[in-house]
Amino acid sequence: MISIIPAIDIIDGKCVRLTQGNYNKKKIYNENPLEVAKMFEDYGIRYLHLVDLDGAKSEHIINYKILEKITSKTNLVVDFGGGIKTDEDIKLVFNCGAHKATIGSVAILNKEIFIKWLDKYGNDRIILGADIMDNKIAISGWHEITNIVLKDFLEGYRILGISYVICTDISKDGMLQGTSLELYKYLKENFSSLNIIASGGVENVNEIEELENIGIYGVIIGKAIYEGKIKVRDLMKFL
């Protein structure tokens, strides 16, 4: 059964969504992220993808108090990403109750510290963030596109023992025009040992079923929920 993972993205303490990672295309959906998290939990959802967009932009964690509030007042299993750059950052994330930390830019810019975290916290608590544009890895809140090809990136970290990967196709993110099914088929066929989490563009329940049929471990759903394209109650059949 595929894991349903709603997303809450935070800017200025509010629940927002961007379009293709563009901070100038921000839409506020709720002033109270805890309220949104409790709503998900009330429907029986177990997981939450919480992103500190302020942190991703400023390169240090900012919205850790929202993380702490959600983990202390719900039983959601939260993975947290955005602005995790130092030992102090990741320690803060786990101290505030996150079950997993999603790490993207550091895996490119500071491989040594990423491997240290993987060894220290274990591959069940560290998620590799693989954000791509035209099959190349993007970093720093998607503001910089590297020359690193997705396959090489994943293969390097698969060998080092990574287990969970969130792969986001930036061109699809927030567009509500469908997710990259061919991309996830490719990843499942070539990296069958990894727990692949699909992210970006999911617009209806049928796509979730297709991802489940491919054998994808989990799916992150954001704007489709907030825009009413996917009703939370319709996700209950996957729970």
Protein backbone atom coordinates (compact mmCIF):
# COMPACT_ATOMS: atom_id res chain seq x y z
CA MET A 1 0.00 0.00 0.00
CA ILE A 2 1.38 3.39 -0.99
CA SER A 3 2.05 5.88 1.83
CA ILE A 4 -0.02 9.05 1.59
CA ILE A 5 2.08 12.05 2.67
CA PRO A 6 0.40 15.48 2.61
CA ALA A 7 2.71 18.47 2.45
CA ILE A 8 2.70 21.61 4.53
CA ASP A 9 5.06 24.31 3.24
CA ILE A 10 5.80 27.19 5.61
CA ILE A 11 6.57 30.83 4.89
CA ASP A 12 6.24 33.44 7.66
CA GLY A 13 4.59 30.81 9.85
CA LYS A 14 1.78 30.23 7.35
CA CYS A 15 0.76 27.27 5.21
CA VAL A 16 1.54 28.16 1.59
CA ARG A 17 2.20 26.60 -1.81
CA LEU A 18 4.56 27.79 -4.50
CA THR A 19 4.45 27.13 -8.23
CA GLN A 20 7.60 25.43 -9.56
CA GLY A 21 9.45 26.58 -6.46
CA ASN A 22 8.97 30.26 -7.33
CA TYR A 23 8.74 32.35 -4.16
CA ASN A 24 7.07 35.11 -6.17
CA LYS A 25 4.22 32.70 -6.97
CA LYS A 26 3.14 32.12 -3.39
CA LYS A 27 -0.40 31.41 -2.28
CA ILE A 28 -1.39 31.35 1.39
CA TYR A 29 -3.88 28.59 2.25
CA ASN A 30 -4.03 28.73 6.02
CA GLU A 31 -2.58 30.97 8.73
CA ASN A 32 -2.34 28.02 11.14
CA PRO A 33 -0.25 25.00 10.03
CA LEU A 34 -1.15 23.08 13.21
CA GLU A 35 -4.83 23.33 12.27
CA VAL A 36 -4.05 21.82 8.87
CA ALA A 37 -1.94 19.05 10.41
CA LYS A 38 -4.75 18.17 12.86
CA MET A 39 -7.21 18.02 9.98
CA PHE A 40 -5.02 15.48 8.19
CA GLU A 41 -4.70 13.42 11.37
CA ASP A 42 -8.46 13.49 11.93
CA TYR A 43 -8.90 11.73 8.58
CA GLY A 44 -6.52 8.96 9.63
CA ILE A 45 -3.45 10.15 7.77
CA ARG A 46 -0.23 9.11 9.50
CA TYR A 47 2.50 10.99 7.67
CA LEU A 48 3.37 14.63 7.02
CA HIS A 49 5.99 16.31 4.84
CA LEU A 50 6.82 19.65 6.49
CA VAL A 51 8.98 22.11 4.55
CA ASP A 52 10.57 25.25 5.95
CA LEU A 53 10.65 27.41 2.80
CA ASP A 54 12.06 30.33 4.80
CA GLY A 55 14.82 28.01 5.93
CA ALA A 56 15.53 26.74 2.44
CA LYS A 57 15.92 30.30 1.21
CA SER A 58 18.02 31.58 4.10
CA GLU A 59 20.03 28.33 4.48
CA HIS A 60 19.30 27.78 8.14
CA ILE A 61 16.23 26.46 9.95
CA ILE A 62 13.68 29.12 10.84
CA ASN A 63 10.30 27.47 11.46
CA TYR A 64 11.39 24.84 13.97
CA LYS A 65 8.78 25.98 16.51
CA ILE A 66 6.02 25.03 14.08
CA LEU A 67 7.63 21.61 13.73
CA GLU A 68 7.71 21.26 17.52
CA LYS A 69 4.09 22.36 17.84
CA ILE A 70 2.89 19.83 15.26
CA THR A 71 4.88 16.91 16.66
CA SER A 72 3.85 17.67 20.25
CA LYS A 73 0.15 18.16 19.50
CA THR A 74 -0.41 15.39 16.91
CA ASN A 75 0.77 11.81 16.43
CA LEU A 76 1.80 12.42 12.82
CA VAL A 77 5.09 10.95 11.64
CA VAL A 78 6.79 14.07 10.32
CA ASP A 79 9.66 14.41 7.90
CA PHE A 80 11.15 17.90 7.89
CA GLY A 81 13.21 19.66 5.26
CA GLY A 82 14.45 23.13 4.42
CA GLY A 83 17.56 24.85 5.73
CA ILE A 84 19.25 21.85 7.34
CA LYS A 85 22.93 22.66 6.86
CA THR A 86 24.83 21.97 10.09
CA ASP A 87 25.09 19.45 12.92
CA GLU A 88 23.16 21.92 15.09
CA ASP A 89 20.39 22.15 12.50
CA ILE A 90 19.77 18.43 12.24
CA LYS A 91 20.00 18.00 16.00
CA LEU A 92 17.37 20.73 16.38
CA VAL A 93 15.09 19.01 13.86
CA PHE A 94 15.16 15.72 15.74
CA ASN A 95 14.92 17.41 19.15
CA CYS A 96 11.76 19.15 17.91
CA GLY A 97 10.19 15.79 17.19
CA ALA A 98 10.79 15.09 13.50
CA HIS A 99 11.01 11.40 12.70
CA LYS A 100 12.96 11.96 9.49
CA ALA A 101 15.04 14.76 8.01
CA THR A 102 14.99 15.44 4.28
CA ILE A 103 18.40 16.55 3.03
CA GLY A 104 19.00 17.83 -0.49
CA SER A 105 21.60 20.55 -1.02
CA VAL A 106 24.01 19.27 1.64
CA ALA A 107 24.18 15.90 -0.15
CA ILE A 108 25.72 17.80 -3.07
CA LEU A 109 27.62 20.61 -1.36
CA ASN A 110 28.94 18.79 1.70
CA LYS A 111 28.92 15.06 1.05
CA GLU A 112 31.14 14.40 4.06
CA ILE A 113 28.65 15.78 6.58
CA PHE A 114 25.75 14.03 4.84
CA ILE A 115 27.50 10.66 5.15
CA LYS A 116 28.25 11.44 8.79
CA TRP A 117 24.55 12.06 9.43
CA LEU A 118 23.62 8.89 7.59
CA ASP A 119 25.99 6.91 9.81
CA LYS A 120 24.95 8.67 13.02
CA TYR A 121 21.16 8.70 12.63
CA GLY A 122 20.63 5.71 10.31
CA ASN A 123 19.07 5.37 6.89
CA ASP A 124 15.56 5.16 8.36
CA ARG A 125 15.82 8.78 9.56
CA ILE A 126 17.65 10.46 6.68
CA ILE A 127 15.76 11.04 3.42
CA LEU A 128 17.75 11.99 0.35
CA GLY A 129 16.08 14.88 -1.46
CA ALA A 130 16.52 14.60 -5.23
CA ASP A 131 14.97 17.65 -6.86
CA ILE A 132 15.37 17.67 -10.62
CA MET A 133 14.97 19.92 -13.61
CA ASP A 134 15.60 18.32 -17.01
CA ASN A 135 17.10 15.28 -15.24
CA LYS A 136 19.70 17.43 -13.42
CA ILE A 137 19.83 17.90 -9.65
CA ALA A 138 18.73 21.29 -8.33
CA ILE A 139 19.91 22.73 -5.01
CA SER A 140 19.54 25.79 -2.75
CA GLY A 141 15.78 25.98 -2.80
CA TRP A 142 15.79 25.07 -6.51
CA HIS A 143 17.63 28.30 -7.38
CA GLU A 144 20.67 26.48 -8.78
CA ILE A 145 20.70 23.65 -11.32
CA THR A 146 23.82 21.48 -11.14
CA ASN A 147 25.36 19.31 -13.87
CA ILE A 148 24.76 16.17 -11.79
CA VAL A 149 22.51 13.63 -13.49
CA LEU A 150 19.79 12.03 -11.34
CA LYS A 151 20.89 8.44 -12.02
CA ASP A 152 24.48 9.13 -10.96
CA PHE A 153 23.34 10.99 -7.86
CA LEU A 154 21.09 8.17 -6.70
CA GLU A 155 23.56 5.43 -7.55
CA GLY A 156 26.28 7.12 -5.51
CA TYR A 157 24.11 7.31 -2.42
CA ARG A 158 22.48 3.92 -2.92
CA ILE A 159 25.94 2.38 -2.59
CA LEU A 160 26.45 4.36 0.62
CA GLY A 161 23.26 2.90 2.11
CA ILE A 162 20.52 5.48 1.62
CA SER A 163 17.05 3.94 1.83
CA TYR A 164 14.52 6.77 1.33
CA VAL A 165 14.47 9.22 -1.58
CA ILE A 166 12.03 12.04 -2.29
CA CYS A 167 12.26 12.79 -5.99
CA THR A 168 10.59 16.00 -7.14
CA ASP A 169 10.23 17.02 -10.77
CA ILE A 170 10.36 20.80 -10.40
CA SER A 171 8.72 21.38 -13.76
CA LYS A 172 5.60 19.61 -12.44
CA ASP A 173 5.54 20.98 -8.90
CA GLY A 174 2.47 23.05 -8.09
CA MET A 175 1.22 22.95 -11.68
CA LEU A 176 -1.69 20.51 -11.16
CA GLN A 177 -0.99 19.06 -14.61
CA GLY A 178 -0.04 15.53 -13.64
CA THR A 179 3.01 13.91 -12.14
CA SER A 180 6.00 12.32 -13.91
CA LEU A 181 4.82 8.72 -14.08
CA GLU A 182 7.53 7.73 -16.57
CA LEU A 183 10.19 9.12 -14.25
CA TYR A 184 8.91 7.05 -11.33
CA LYS A 185 8.63 3.92 -13.46
CA TYR A 186 12.24 4.41 -14.45
CA LEU A 187 13.34 4.91 -10.84
CA LYS A 188 11.46 1.85 -9.63
CA GLU A 189 12.95 -0.30 -12.40
CA ASN A 190 16.52 0.94 -11.86
CA PHE A 191 16.55 1.49 -8.09
CA SER A 192 14.21 -1.20 -6.79
CA SER A 193 15.96 -1.34 -3.41
CA LEU A 194 15.12 2.29 -2.64
CA ASN A 195 11.92 3.57 -1.07
CA ILE A 196 10.99 6.12 -3.72
CA ILE A 197 8.63 8.93 -2.71
CA ALA A 198 6.99 10.74 -5.63
CA SER A 199 6.53 14.48 -5.40
CA GLY A 200 5.28 17.16 -7.74
CA GLY A 201 2.19 17.63 -9.86
CA VAL A 202 -0.12 14.93 -8.49
CA GLU A 203 -3.62 16.12 -9.39
CA ASN A 204 -6.04 13.22 -8.88
CA VAL A 205 -6.60 9.92 -7.14
CA ASN A 206 -6.08 7.94 -10.35
CA GLU A 207 -2.47 9.08 -10.45
CA ILE A 208 -1.97 7.86 -6.90
CA GLU A 209 -3.32 4.46 -7.95
CA GLU A 210 -0.92 4.40 -10.90
CA LEU A 211 2.01 5.22 -8.65
CA GLU A 212 0.90 2.46 -6.29
CA ASN A 213 0.74 -0.01 -9.20
CA ILE A 214 4.28 0.95 -10.21
CA GLY A 215 5.38 0.05 -6.70
CA ILE A 216 6.27 3.54 -5.49
CA TYR A 217 6.67 3.67 -1.70
CA GLY A 218 4.96 7.00 -1.06
CA VAL A 219 3.44 10.09 -2.63
CA ILE A 220 3.57 13.68 -1.44
CA ILE A 221 0.42 15.66 -2.18
CA GLY A 222 0.22 19.41 -1.77
CA LYS A 223 -1.62 21.86 -3.96
CA ALA A 224 -4.14 19.26 -5.22
CA ILE A 225 -5.49 19.00 -1.66
CA TYR A 226 -5.48 22.73 -1.00
CA GLU A 227 -7.17 23.51 -4.30
CA GLY A 228 -9.79 20.79 -3.77
CA LYS A 229 -8.68 18.64 -6.72
CA ILE A 230 -8.20 15.76 -4.29
CA LYS A 231 -10.55 15.48 -1.32
CA VAL A 232 -8.83 14.22 1.83
CA ARG A 233 -11.68 11.76 2.38
CA ASP A 234 -10.91 10.22 -1.03
CA LEU A 235 -7.45 9.33 0.24
CA MET A 236 -8.87 7.13 3.00
CA LYS A 237 -8.95 4.07 0.73
CA PHE A 238 -5.15 4.16 0.70
CA LEU A 239 -4.82 4.31 4.48
